Structure formats: structure tokens, C-alpha cells
């Protein structure tokens, strides 16, 4: 089925772009690195909430960090494939 929540890495520009792609009906938030701020769109407005240290922030940071690791591995795989030709 469809996801209940999508988390994007970034602030207003990333959440805005993702919301255009996703449309309505799915909760969408961004985690901006600056001050570990959660960004979301409510109606036509963007809202920001600064995260307090604790379990909720920790899980969002771990999700973001894993997404970064995944994208770096994929990028290295593509570069290696281009260089080696396999």
C-alpha cells in the first residue's frame, strides 16, 4: 500500500518539491540540518519545529544518516560501473 509518512532530507525547497511529486493524502516532513528543524506543509503554509534532543530527534537523524549512506554507496557503484564498464 501507500506509505503513511515520507521524510525528506532538507528544508522548505525539498519539502516543496516532494509535495508536488507526492500530492495530498500522505504526511510529508523534511529534516533540515540547520538546528535539526522539522519542516512540513500545512495547507499552503510551511511550518517549522525545532527538535529537542531526545528519542524522536535521534530516530530522524538515524533515518537521515542511513539515507546518506545508501545514496553514497549507490553513487560509488555507478561511478565504479562507469569506470570499469561492468
N, C-alpha and C. Protein backbone atom coordinates (compact mmCIF):
# COMPACT_ATOMS: atom_id res chain seq x y z
N UNK A 1 0.81 -1.19 0.00
CA UNK A 1 0.00 0.00 0.00
C UNK A 1 0.86 1.26 0.00
N UNK A 2 0.19 2.34 0.22
CA UNK A 2 0.88 3.63 0.24
C UNK A 2 1.52 3.88 1.60
N UNK A 3 2.59 4.64 1.62
CA UNK A 3 3.21 4.98 2.90
C UNK A 3 2.32 5.96 3.68
N UNK A 4 2.50 5.98 4.99
CA UNK A 4 1.79 6.93 5.85
C UNK A 4 2.59 8.20 6.05
N UNK A 5 3.91 8.09 5.87
CA UNK A 5 4.80 9.22 6.12
C UNK A 5 5.99 9.15 5.19
N UNK A 6 6.36 10.29 4.63
CA UNK A 6 7.59 10.40 3.84
C UNK A 6 8.45 11.46 4.50
N UNK A 7 9.72 11.11 4.73
CA UNK A 7 10.68 12.03 5.33
C UNK A 7 11.71 12.37 4.26
N UNK A 8 11.91 13.66 4.02
CA UNK A 8 12.92 14.08 3.05
C UNK A 8 14.06 14.77 3.79
N UNK A 9 15.22 14.71 3.20
CA UNK A 9 16.40 15.34 3.75
C UNK A 9 16.44 16.76 3.24
N UNK A 10 16.13 17.73 4.09
CA UNK A 10 16.19 19.12 3.66
C UNK A 10 15.06 19.94 4.24
N UNK A 11 15.05 21.21 3.85
CA UNK A 11 14.09 22.17 4.37
C UNK A 11 12.98 22.47 3.40
N UNK A 12 12.59 23.74 3.38
CA UNK A 12 11.44 24.17 2.57
C UNK A 12 11.54 23.81 1.09
N UNK A 13 12.69 24.06 0.43
CA UNK A 13 12.74 23.73 -1.01
C UNK A 13 12.53 22.24 -1.29
N UNK A 14 13.11 21.39 -0.46
CA UNK A 14 12.98 19.95 -0.67
C UNK A 14 11.57 19.47 -0.35
N UNK A 15 10.98 19.99 0.72
CA UNK A 15 9.61 19.61 1.08
C UNK A 15 8.64 20.10 0.00
N UNK A 16 8.88 21.30 -0.52
CA UNK A 16 8.02 21.84 -1.57
C UNK A 16 8.07 20.96 -2.83
N UNK A 17 9.27 20.60 -3.24
CA UNK A 17 9.42 19.75 -4.43
C UNK A 17 8.79 18.38 -4.21
N UNK A 18 9.02 17.81 -3.04
CA UNK A 18 8.46 16.49 -2.75
C UNK A 18 6.94 16.53 -2.68
N UNK A 19 6.39 17.61 -2.12
CA UNK A 19 4.93 17.69 -2.01
C UNK A 19 4.27 17.80 -3.38
N UNK A 20 4.95 18.41 -4.33
CA UNK A 20 4.41 18.47 -5.70
C UNK A 20 4.41 17.08 -6.33
N UNK A 21 5.44 16.30 -6.03
CA UNK A 21 5.54 14.95 -6.59
C UNK A 21 4.57 13.98 -5.91
N UNK A 22 4.40 14.12 -4.60
CA UNK A 22 3.59 13.19 -3.83
C UNK A 22 2.11 13.53 -3.89
N UNK A 23 1.80 14.81 -3.84
CA UNK A 23 0.41 15.23 -3.81
C UNK A 23 -0.15 15.20 -2.40
N UNK A 24 -1.45 15.19 -2.29
CA UNK A 24 -2.13 15.23 -0.98
C UNK A 24 -2.35 13.82 -0.44
N UNK A 25 -2.60 13.75 0.84
CA UNK A 25 -3.01 12.48 1.44
C UNK A 25 -1.90 11.72 2.16
N UNK A 26 -0.66 12.07 1.94
CA UNK A 26 0.45 11.40 2.62
C UNK A 26 1.21 12.46 3.42
N UNK A 27 1.42 12.19 4.69
CA UNK A 27 2.18 13.12 5.53
C UNK A 27 3.61 13.21 5.02
N UNK A 28 4.13 14.42 4.94
CA UNK A 28 5.46 14.67 4.39
C UNK A 28 6.18 15.67 5.28
N UNK A 29 7.36 15.31 5.72
CA UNK A 29 8.17 16.22 6.53
C UNK A 29 9.60 16.21 6.02
N UNK A 30 10.30 17.30 6.27
CA UNK A 30 11.71 17.40 5.95
C UNK A 30 12.50 17.63 7.22
N UNK A 31 13.72 17.12 7.25
CA UNK A 31 14.60 17.37 8.38
C UNK A 31 15.74 18.24 7.88
N UNK A 32 15.69 19.52 8.24
CA UNK A 32 16.72 20.47 7.84
C UNK A 32 17.90 20.34 8.80
N UNK A 33 19.09 20.26 8.25
CA UNK A 33 20.29 20.08 9.07
C UNK A 33 20.47 21.24 10.04
N UNK A 34 20.19 22.44 9.57
CA UNK A 34 20.38 23.62 10.40
C UNK A 34 19.44 23.58 11.60
N UNK A 35 19.99 23.49 12.75
CA UNK A 35 19.24 23.44 14.02
C UNK A 35 18.34 22.22 14.13
N UNK A 36 18.55 21.20 13.28
CA UNK A 36 17.71 19.99 13.31
C UNK A 36 16.23 20.38 13.37
N UNK A 37 15.80 21.08 12.35
CA UNK A 37 14.44 21.59 12.26
C UNK A 37 13.59 20.69 11.38
N UNK A 38 12.41 20.34 11.87
CA UNK A 38 11.44 19.59 11.07
C UNK A 38 10.60 20.62 10.31
N UNK A 39 10.48 20.41 9.00
CA UNK A 39 9.71 21.32 8.14
C UNK A 39 8.55 20.53 7.55
N UNK A 40 7.36 21.12 7.57
CA UNK A 40 6.20 20.46 6.97
C UNK A 40 5.27 21.53 6.40
N UNK A 41 4.41 21.09 5.51
CA UNK A 41 3.48 22.00 4.87
C UNK A 41 2.10 21.75 5.47
N UNK A 42 1.46 22.81 5.92
CA UNK A 42 0.11 22.71 6.46
C UNK A 42 -0.75 23.67 5.64
N UNK A 43 -1.63 23.10 4.84
CA UNK A 43 -2.38 23.93 3.90
C UNK A 43 -1.42 24.47 2.86
N UNK A 44 -1.36 25.77 2.71
CA UNK A 44 -0.42 26.39 1.77
C UNK A 44 0.78 27.01 2.48
N UNK A 45 0.91 26.74 3.77
CA UNK A 45 1.99 27.34 4.55
C UNK A 45 3.01 26.30 4.98
N UNK A 46 4.26 26.74 5.06
CA UNK A 46 5.30 25.88 5.61
C UNK A 46 5.43 26.20 7.09
N UNK A 47 5.55 25.17 7.89
CA UNK A 47 5.75 25.30 9.32
C UNK A 47 7.09 24.67 9.67
N UNK A 48 7.70 25.19 10.71
CA UNK A 48 8.97 24.64 11.17
C UNK A 48 8.88 24.38 12.66
N UNK A 49 9.50 23.30 13.10
CA UNK A 49 9.56 22.96 14.52
C UNK A 49 10.98 22.51 14.83
N UNK A 50 11.60 23.20 15.74
CA UNK A 50 12.95 22.82 16.15
C UNK A 50 12.86 21.63 17.09
N UNK A 51 13.59 20.59 16.79
CA UNK A 51 13.54 19.36 17.57
C UNK A 51 14.37 19.49 18.84
N UNK A 52 13.80 19.01 19.93
CA UNK A 52 14.54 18.94 21.18
C UNK A 52 15.34 17.64 21.19
N UNK A 53 16.50 17.63 21.83
CA UNK A 53 17.24 16.38 21.95
C UNK A 53 16.38 15.30 22.61
N UNK A 54 16.46 14.10 22.08
CA UNK A 54 15.69 13.00 22.65
C UNK A 54 15.43 11.93 21.62
N UNK A 55 14.61 10.95 21.95
CA UNK A 55 14.37 9.80 21.07
C UNK A 55 13.79 10.16 19.71
N UNK A 56 12.87 11.12 19.64
CA UNK A 56 12.26 11.49 18.35
C UNK A 56 13.31 12.06 17.41
N UNK A 57 14.14 12.95 17.90
CA UNK A 57 15.21 13.52 17.08
C UNK A 57 16.21 12.45 16.69
N UNK A 58 16.55 11.58 17.63
CA UNK A 58 17.52 10.52 17.35
C UNK A 58 17.07 9.63 16.19
N UNK A 59 15.80 9.24 16.18
CA UNK A 59 15.34 8.36 15.10
C UNK A 59 15.35 9.08 13.77
N UNK A 60 14.96 10.35 13.74
CA UNK A 60 15.00 11.11 12.48
C UNK A 60 16.43 11.25 11.98
N UNK A 61 17.38 11.50 12.88
CA UNK A 61 18.78 11.61 12.48
C UNK A 61 19.30 10.28 11.95
N UNK A 62 18.92 9.19 12.58
CA UNK A 62 19.37 7.87 12.11
C UNK A 62 18.81 7.54 10.73
N UNK A 63 17.55 7.92 10.51
CA UNK A 63 16.94 7.70 9.19
C UNK A 63 17.69 8.51 8.14
N UNK A 64 17.95 9.79 8.45
CA UNK A 64 18.68 10.65 7.51
C UNK A 64 20.09 10.11 7.24
N UNK A 65 20.78 9.71 8.30
CA UNK A 65 22.14 9.20 8.13
C UNK A 65 22.17 7.93 7.29
N UNK A 66 21.19 7.06 7.47
CA UNK A 66 21.12 5.84 6.67
C UNK A 66 20.82 6.16 5.21
N UNK A 67 19.97 7.15 4.97
CA UNK A 67 19.68 7.57 3.59
C UNK A 67 20.95 8.10 2.93
N UNK A 68 21.76 8.85 3.68
CA UNK A 68 23.03 9.35 3.15
C UNK A 68 23.97 8.20 2.82
N UNK A 69 24.08 7.24 3.73
CA UNK A 69 24.95 6.08 3.46
C UNK A 69 24.50 5.33 2.22
N UNK A 70 23.20 5.11 2.10
CA UNK A 70 22.65 4.40 0.95
C UNK A 70 22.97 5.13 -0.35
N UNK A 71 22.75 6.45 -0.36
CA UNK A 71 22.98 7.21 -1.59
C UNK A 71 24.45 7.26 -1.95
N UNK A 72 25.32 7.33 -0.95
CA UNK A 72 26.77 7.31 -1.25
C UNK A 72 27.19 5.97 -1.84
N UNK A 73 26.69 4.86 -1.25
CA UNK A 73 27.03 3.54 -1.80
C UNK A 73 26.54 3.41 -3.24
N UNK A 74 25.33 3.87 -3.50
CA UNK A 74 24.78 3.79 -4.84
C UNK A 74 25.59 4.63 -5.81
N UNK A 75 25.98 5.83 -5.40
CA UNK A 75 26.80 6.71 -6.24
C UNK A 75 28.13 6.04 -6.56
N UNK A 76 28.77 5.46 -5.55
CA UNK A 76 30.06 4.78 -5.78
C UNK A 76 29.89 3.60 -6.73
N UNK A 77 28.78 2.90 -6.61
CA UNK A 77 28.50 1.78 -7.51
C UNK A 77 28.38 2.27 -8.95
N UNK A 78 27.66 3.39 -9.15
CA UNK A 78 27.51 3.94 -10.50
C UNK A 78 28.84 4.41 -11.07
N UNK A 79 29.65 5.07 -10.25
CA UNK A 79 30.96 5.54 -10.70
C UNK A 79 31.84 4.36 -11.04
N UNK A 80 31.85 3.36 -10.20
CA UNK A 80 32.67 2.17 -10.45
C UNK A 80 32.23 1.48 -11.74
N UNK A 81 30.95 1.39 -11.94
CA UNK A 81 30.40 0.77 -13.15
C UNK A 81 30.83 1.56 -14.40
N UNK A 82 30.82 2.88 -14.29
CA UNK A 82 31.21 3.72 -15.43
C UNK A 82 32.70 3.57 -15.74
N UNK A 83 33.51 3.45 -14.70
CA UNK A 83 34.96 3.34 -14.89
C UNK A 83 35.35 1.96 -15.40
N UNK A 84 34.81 0.93 -14.76
CA UNK A 84 35.17 -0.45 -15.10
C UNK A 84 34.40 -0.95 -16.30
N UNK A 85 33.19 -0.46 -16.45
CA UNK A 85 32.37 -0.88 -17.58
C UNK A 85 31.56 -2.12 -17.31
N UNK A 86 31.36 -2.46 -16.05
CA UNK A 86 30.57 -3.65 -15.70
C UNK A 86 29.29 -3.24 -15.03
